[in-house]
Amino acid sequence: MKAKSLFLMAAFIAGAALAEDHRQLATLPPAAQESLREEMLGNLLAINEVLTLMAAGKVKEAGQLAEKALGQSAQGKHRDKPFNARPGPHMPPAMHSIGNDGHVAASEFAKAASSGDREKALTLLPKLTEGCIACHYSWRTR
């Protein structure tokens, strides 16, 4: 019985620690938040498709998709939107920098994969999500 009580107490403490959100708040206008959310959901789909292509041995296609959807070519998706719907100008510089680094990493992966260099592409593949992880663990918009 004592072990069960200790386990429940440990679970409660762990749950309380997880409930605390220590990420920094990035205050974006609601329209920019929605644009960013849509972009991040699209990025998840693109990453999944890149992984699917890599698993199928379609390395060059994975590279082409990564550049188009995630790389530096994908920057500026919101430039035609009203200012309040564009996330970039409202992001704190450190948050914006993480995003830019993610685009650069995707382009580096895309270059290797597009050339057909499977081994180098596989080595760079984790870089596709490192920026995502860094940003989502550091920042929140609400």
Protein backbone atom coordinates (compact mmCIF):
# COMPACT_ATOMS: atom_id res chain seq x y z
CA MET A 1 0.00 0.00 0.00
CA LYS A 2 2.84 2.36 0.83
CA ALA A 3 4.41 1.87 -2.64
CA LYS A 4 1.08 2.68 -4.27
CA SER A 5 0.81 5.92 -2.27
CA LEU A 6 4.34 6.93 -3.23
CA PHE A 7 3.58 6.18 -6.88
CA LEU A 8 0.40 8.29 -6.80
CA MET A 9 2.24 11.16 -5.10
CA ALA A 10 5.04 11.01 -7.67
CA ALA A 11 2.49 10.97 -10.50
CA PHE A 12 0.70 13.98 -8.98
CA ILE A 13 3.95 15.95 -8.65
CA ALA A 14 4.99 15.06 -12.20
CA GLY A 15 1.58 16.12 -13.51
CA ALA A 16 1.79 19.44 -11.68
CA ALA A 17 5.24 20.09 -13.09
CA LEU A 18 4.01 19.36 -16.60
CA ALA A 19 1.07 21.71 -16.09
CA GLU A 20 3.40 24.66 -15.55
CA ASP A 21 4.23 26.26 -18.88
CA HIS A 22 7.59 27.98 -18.72
CA ARG A 23 7.68 28.92 -22.40
CA GLN A 24 7.93 32.57 -23.31
CA LEU A 25 4.78 34.26 -24.56
CA ALA A 26 5.00 35.69 -28.06
CA THR A 27 2.15 38.16 -28.36
CA LEU A 28 0.92 38.07 -31.94
CA PRO A 29 -2.29 39.61 -33.28
CA PRO A 30 -5.05 36.99 -33.60
CA ALA A 31 -4.83 36.96 -37.41
CA ALA A 32 -1.06 36.39 -37.27
CA GLN A 33 -1.58 33.60 -34.71
CA GLU A 34 -4.00 31.90 -37.09
CA SER A 35 -1.64 32.28 -40.05
CA LEU A 36 1.19 30.82 -38.00
CA ARG A 37 -0.99 27.94 -36.82
CA GLU A 38 -2.02 27.12 -40.39
CA GLU A 39 1.61 27.25 -41.50
CA MET A 40 2.75 24.96 -38.68
CA LEU A 41 0.03 22.42 -39.51
CA GLY A 42 1.13 22.54 -43.14
CA ASN A 43 4.73 22.03 -42.04
CA LEU A 44 3.71 18.90 -40.11
CA LEU A 45 2.09 17.49 -43.23
CA ALA A 46 5.16 18.36 -45.32
CA ILE A 47 7.54 16.72 -42.82
CA ASN A 48 5.40 13.60 -42.81
CA GLU A 49 5.44 13.49 -46.61
CA VAL A 50 9.23 13.99 -46.67
CA LEU A 51 9.62 11.06 -44.25
CA THR A 52 7.27 8.94 -46.36
CA LEU A 53 9.25 9.72 -49.51
CA MET A 54 12.56 8.95 -47.79
CA ALA A 55 11.20 5.63 -46.51
CA ALA A 56 10.08 4.77 -50.04
CA GLY A 57 13.57 5.51 -51.38
CA LYS A 58 12.39 8.61 -53.25
CA VAL A 59 15.25 10.74 -51.99
CA LYS A 60 15.28 13.35 -54.76
CA GLU A 61 11.52 13.85 -54.48
CA ALA A 62 11.86 14.26 -50.71
CA GLY A 63 14.46 16.96 -51.29
CA GLN A 64 12.31 18.80 -53.81
CA LEU A 65 9.33 18.78 -51.47
CA ALA A 66 11.43 19.85 -48.48
CA GLU A 67 12.74 22.88 -50.34
CA LYS A 68 9.36 23.90 -51.71
CA ALA A 69 7.38 23.43 -48.49
CA LEU A 70 9.95 23.99 -45.72
CA GLY A 71 13.16 25.46 -47.10
CA GLN A 72 14.19 29.01 -47.78
CA SER A 73 11.99 28.94 -50.88
CA ALA A 74 8.98 28.65 -48.56
CA GLN A 75 9.73 31.90 -46.75
CA GLY A 76 7.44 34.84 -47.36
CA LYS A 77 4.22 32.80 -47.61
CA HIS A 78 2.34 35.57 -45.84
CA ARG A 79 3.72 38.62 -47.63
CA ASP A 80 0.45 39.27 -49.47
CA LYS A 81 -1.62 39.20 -46.29
CA PRO A 82 -2.52 42.28 -44.26
CA PHE A 83 0.20 43.27 -41.78
CA ASN A 84 -1.74 41.93 -38.76
CA ALA A 85 -2.02 38.51 -40.42
CA ARG A 86 1.72 38.18 -41.07
CA PRO A 87 3.43 36.32 -38.18
CA GLY A 88 7.06 37.24 -38.92
CA PRO A 89 6.94 40.97 -38.16
CA HIS A 90 5.24 40.31 -34.81
CA MET A 91 7.57 37.58 -33.56
CA PRO A 92 10.24 38.31 -30.99
CA PRO A 93 13.66 38.32 -32.72
CA ALA A 94 14.79 35.10 -31.00
CA MET A 95 11.65 33.26 -32.11
CA HIS A 96 12.01 34.60 -35.64
CA SER A 97 15.63 33.47 -35.69
CA ILE A 98 14.67 29.90 -34.78
CA GLY A 99 12.20 29.91 -37.67
CA ASN A 100 14.82 31.19 -40.09
CA ASP A 101 17.28 28.55 -38.89
CA GLY A 102 14.61 25.92 -39.60
CA HIS A 103 14.24 27.12 -43.18
CA VAL A 104 18.02 27.01 -43.64
CA ALA A 105 18.19 23.47 -42.21
CA ALA A 106 15.41 22.33 -44.54
CA SER A 107 17.27 23.81 -47.51
CA GLU A 108 20.48 22.01 -46.49
CA PHE A 109 18.58 18.73 -46.28
CA ALA A 110 16.86 19.48 -49.60
CA LYS A 111 20.17 20.15 -51.34
CA ALA A 112 21.63 16.83 -50.21
CA ALA A 113 18.46 14.86 -50.95
CA SER A 114 17.87 16.52 -54.33
CA SER A 115 21.36 15.48 -55.37
CA GLY A 116 20.46 11.88 -54.56
CA ASP A 117 22.95 11.64 -51.68
CA ARG A 118 20.82 9.39 -49.49
CA GLU A 119 23.37 8.99 -46.68
CA LYS A 120 23.94 12.73 -46.31
CA ALA A 121 20.20 13.36 -46.52
CA LEU A 122 19.56 10.81 -43.76
CA THR A 123 22.21 12.49 -41.62
CA LEU A 124 20.51 15.87 -42.11
CA LEU A 125 16.95 14.56 -41.73
CA PRO A 126 16.69 15.23 -37.96
CA LYS A 127 17.52 18.88 -38.65
CA LEU A 128 14.06 19.19 -40.24
CA THR A 129 12.46 19.03 -36.81
CA GLU A 130 15.14 20.53 -34.56
CA GLY A 131 13.91 24.06 -35.22
CA CYS A 132 10.32 22.98 -34.65
CA ILE A 133 11.25 21.42 -31.34
CA ALA A 134 13.37 24.40 -30.25
CA CYS A 135 10.61 26.86 -31.03
CA HIS A 136 7.71 24.89 -29.59
CA TYR A 137 9.64 24.21 -26.38
CA SER A 138 10.65 27.87 -26.03
CA TRP A 139 7.66 29.85 -27.23
CA ARG A 140 3.89 29.94 -27.05
CA THR A 141 1.33 32.29 -28.55
CA ARG A 142 -1.41 31.84 -25.95
